Amino acid sequence: MVDSSTHIERSTVIDGKTIIESTTERVRCSGENNDHPLVYYTIPEEGFVVCGYCDLVFVRKENP
């Protein structure tokens, strides 16, 4: 279960990787099927984070 406290805007698959856009800098991940421990990440302002367990990629959605 991927969750960023209901701040996920959308997810996209590019080159086999799931990219998840978030409106917040803090996200949490427990896998797409709740198959690993719950972990928290902070997305840098100009970058992304990759879950160390399941390789999901989290990016911060640009503000208009």
N, C-alpha and C. Protein backbone atom coordinates (compact mmCIF):
# COMPACT_ATOMS: atom_id res chain seq x y z
N MET A 1 0.85 -1.18 0.00
CA MET A 1 0.00 0.00 0.00
C MET A 1 0.88 1.23 0.00
N VAL A 2 0.74 2.02 -1.00
CA VAL A 2 1.47 3.28 -1.08
C VAL A 2 0.56 4.36 -0.55
N ASP A 3 1.09 5.18 0.33
CA ASP A 3 0.25 6.21 0.93
C ASP A 3 1.10 7.39 1.32
N SER A 4 0.68 8.54 0.97
CA SER A 4 1.35 9.75 1.45
C SER A 4 0.32 10.61 2.17
N SER A 5 -0.45 9.97 3.00
CA SER A 5 -1.49 10.64 3.78
C SER A 5 -2.49 11.35 2.87
N THR A 6 -2.94 10.65 1.85
CA THR A 6 -3.94 11.10 0.88
C THR A 6 -3.48 12.28 0.03
N HIS A 7 -2.18 12.48 -0.12
CA HIS A 7 -1.67 13.58 -0.92
C HIS A 7 -1.08 13.11 -2.24
N ILE A 8 -1.43 11.92 -2.66
CA ILE A 8 -0.96 11.41 -3.93
C ILE A 8 -1.86 11.95 -5.03
N GLU A 9 -1.26 12.55 -6.03
CA GLU A 9 -2.02 13.11 -7.14
C GLU A 9 -2.27 12.06 -8.21
N ARG A 10 -1.22 11.35 -8.63
CA ARG A 10 -1.38 10.32 -9.65
C ARG A 10 -0.11 9.50 -9.71
N SER A 11 -0.21 8.36 -10.35
CA SER A 11 0.97 7.55 -10.58
C SER A 11 1.05 7.21 -12.05
N THR A 12 2.28 7.06 -12.53
CA THR A 12 2.56 6.78 -13.93
C THR A 12 3.63 5.70 -13.99
N VAL A 13 3.59 4.89 -15.02
CA VAL A 13 4.64 3.89 -15.21
C VAL A 13 5.49 4.32 -16.41
N ILE A 14 6.80 4.48 -16.17
CA ILE A 14 7.75 4.85 -17.23
C ILE A 14 8.91 3.87 -17.16
N ASP A 15 9.19 3.23 -18.28
CA ASP A 15 10.27 2.25 -18.36
C ASP A 15 10.17 1.20 -17.25
N GLY A 16 8.96 0.77 -16.96
CA GLY A 16 8.75 -0.27 -15.97
C GLY A 16 8.79 0.20 -14.53
N LYS A 17 9.04 1.49 -14.28
CA LYS A 17 9.07 2.04 -12.93
C LYS A 17 7.80 2.82 -12.66
N THR A 18 7.24 2.62 -11.50
CA THR A 18 6.05 3.38 -11.10
C THR A 18 6.51 4.69 -10.49
N ILE A 19 6.04 5.80 -11.06
CA ILE A 19 6.37 7.14 -10.59
C ILE A 19 5.11 7.71 -9.94
N ILE A 20 5.23 8.12 -8.69
CA ILE A 20 4.09 8.63 -7.93
C ILE A 20 4.32 10.10 -7.62
N GLU A 21 3.37 10.95 -8.02
CA GLU A 21 3.45 12.37 -7.73
C GLU A 21 2.74 12.65 -6.41
N SER A 22 3.37 13.47 -5.58
CA SER A 22 2.80 13.82 -4.28
C SER A 22 2.77 15.34 -4.13
N THR A 23 1.78 15.85 -3.43
CA THR A 23 1.70 17.28 -3.16
C THR A 23 2.42 17.65 -1.87
N THR A 24 2.95 16.66 -1.16
CA THR A 24 3.68 16.92 0.07
C THR A 24 5.12 16.42 -0.06
N GLU A 25 6.00 16.91 0.80
CA GLU A 25 7.38 16.46 0.75
C GLU A 25 7.58 15.15 1.50
N ARG A 26 6.70 14.82 2.42
CA ARG A 26 6.83 13.61 3.23
C ARG A 26 5.87 12.55 2.71
N VAL A 27 6.40 11.36 2.40
CA VAL A 27 5.58 10.25 1.91
C VAL A 27 5.89 9.00 2.70
N ARG A 28 4.98 8.04 2.64
CA ARG A 28 5.23 6.75 3.27
C ARG A 28 4.90 5.66 2.28
N CYS A 29 5.57 4.53 2.43
CA CYS A 29 5.38 3.43 1.49
C CYS A 29 5.46 2.11 2.25
N SER A 30 4.57 1.20 1.90
CA SER A 30 4.65 -0.17 2.42
C SER A 30 4.49 -1.15 1.26
N GLY A 31 4.78 -0.67 0.05
CA GLY A 31 4.70 -1.52 -1.14
C GLY A 31 3.34 -1.42 -1.81
N GLU A 32 3.30 -1.77 -3.08
CA GLU A 32 2.04 -1.71 -3.81
C GLU A 32 1.02 -2.70 -3.28
N ASN A 33 1.50 -3.79 -2.69
CA ASN A 33 0.61 -4.82 -2.15
C ASN A 33 0.78 -4.99 -0.65
N ASN A 34 1.22 -3.92 0.02
CA ASN A 34 1.46 -3.96 1.46
C ASN A 34 2.43 -5.09 1.80
N ASP A 35 3.51 -5.20 1.02
CA ASP A 35 4.40 -6.35 1.13
C ASP A 35 5.79 -6.05 1.70
N HIS A 36 5.96 -4.89 2.32
CA HIS A 36 7.20 -4.62 3.03
C HIS A 36 6.91 -3.69 4.21
N PRO A 37 7.88 -3.54 5.13
CA PRO A 37 7.64 -2.67 6.29
C PRO A 37 7.32 -1.24 5.86
N LEU A 38 6.57 -0.56 6.67
CA LEU A 38 6.23 0.83 6.41
C LEU A 38 7.48 1.69 6.59
N VAL A 39 7.79 2.49 5.57
CA VAL A 39 8.94 3.39 5.62
C VAL A 39 8.50 4.78 5.20
N TYR A 40 9.20 5.78 5.70
CA TYR A 40 8.89 7.17 5.39
C TYR A 40 10.07 7.80 4.66
N TYR A 41 9.75 8.69 3.71
CA TYR A 41 10.78 9.38 2.94
C TYR A 41 10.41 10.85 2.82
N THR A 42 11.44 11.69 2.66
CA THR A 42 11.25 13.10 2.39
C THR A 42 11.72 13.36 0.97
N ILE A 43 10.84 13.90 0.15
CA ILE A 43 11.17 14.20 -1.24
C ILE A 43 11.88 15.55 -1.29
N PRO A 44 13.09 15.60 -1.86
CA PRO A 44 13.76 16.90 -1.99
C PRO A 44 12.96 17.84 -2.89
N GLU A 45 13.13 19.12 -2.69
CA GLU A 45 12.36 20.11 -3.45
C GLU A 45 12.58 19.95 -4.96
N GLU A 46 13.78 19.69 -5.37
CA GLU A 46 14.09 19.54 -6.80
C GLU A 46 14.57 18.13 -7.09
N GLY A 47 13.78 17.13 -6.76
CA GLY A 47 14.26 15.77 -6.99
C GLY A 47 13.20 14.72 -6.73
N PHE A 48 13.69 13.55 -6.33
CA PHE A 48 12.81 12.41 -6.12
C PHE A 48 13.44 11.48 -5.10
N VAL A 49 12.66 10.52 -4.60
CA VAL A 49 13.18 9.46 -3.74
C VAL A 49 12.70 8.12 -4.30
N VAL A 50 13.49 7.10 -4.07
CA VAL A 50 13.15 5.74 -4.51
C VAL A 50 13.05 4.87 -3.27
N CYS A 51 11.95 4.14 -3.14
CA CYS A 51 11.78 3.24 -2.00
C CYS A 51 12.86 2.18 -2.04
N GLY A 52 13.53 1.98 -0.95
CA GLY A 52 14.60 0.99 -0.86
C GLY A 52 14.12 -0.44 -0.89
N TYR A 53 12.84 -0.67 -0.69
CA TYR A 53 12.29 -2.02 -0.70
C TYR A 53 11.68 -2.39 -2.05
N CYS A 54 10.88 -1.49 -2.62
CA CYS A 54 10.10 -1.87 -3.80
C CYS A 54 10.39 -1.04 -5.05
N ASP A 55 11.30 -0.09 -4.95
CA ASP A 55 11.73 0.73 -6.09
C ASP A 55 10.66 1.66 -6.64
N LEU A 56 9.58 1.92 -5.90
CA LEU A 56 8.63 2.95 -6.32
C LEU A 56 9.35 4.30 -6.26
N VAL A 57 9.06 5.16 -7.22
CA VAL A 57 9.70 6.48 -7.30
C VAL A 57 8.67 7.53 -6.91
N PHE A 58 9.03 8.39 -5.95
CA PHE A 58 8.15 9.46 -5.50
C PHE A 58 8.75 10.80 -5.92
N VAL A 59 7.94 11.63 -6.57
CA VAL A 59 8.35 12.97 -6.97
C VAL A 59 7.36 13.97 -6.42
N ARG A 60 7.83 15.17 -6.17
CA ARG A 60 6.94 16.21 -5.69
C ARG A 60 6.28 16.89 -6.88
N LYS A 61 4.97 17.01 -6.83
CA LYS A 61 4.24 17.66 -7.91
C LYS A 61 4.57 19.14 -7.92
N GLU A 62 4.83 19.65 -9.12
CA GLU A 62 5.13 21.07 -9.26
C GLU A 62 3.90 21.90 -8.96
N ASN A 63 4.09 22.99 -8.26
CA ASN A 63 2.99 23.91 -7.99
C ASN A 63 2.83 24.83 -9.18
N PRO A 64 1.60 25.04 -9.61
CA PRO A 64 1.38 25.92 -10.78
C PRO A 64 1.71 27.35 -10.51
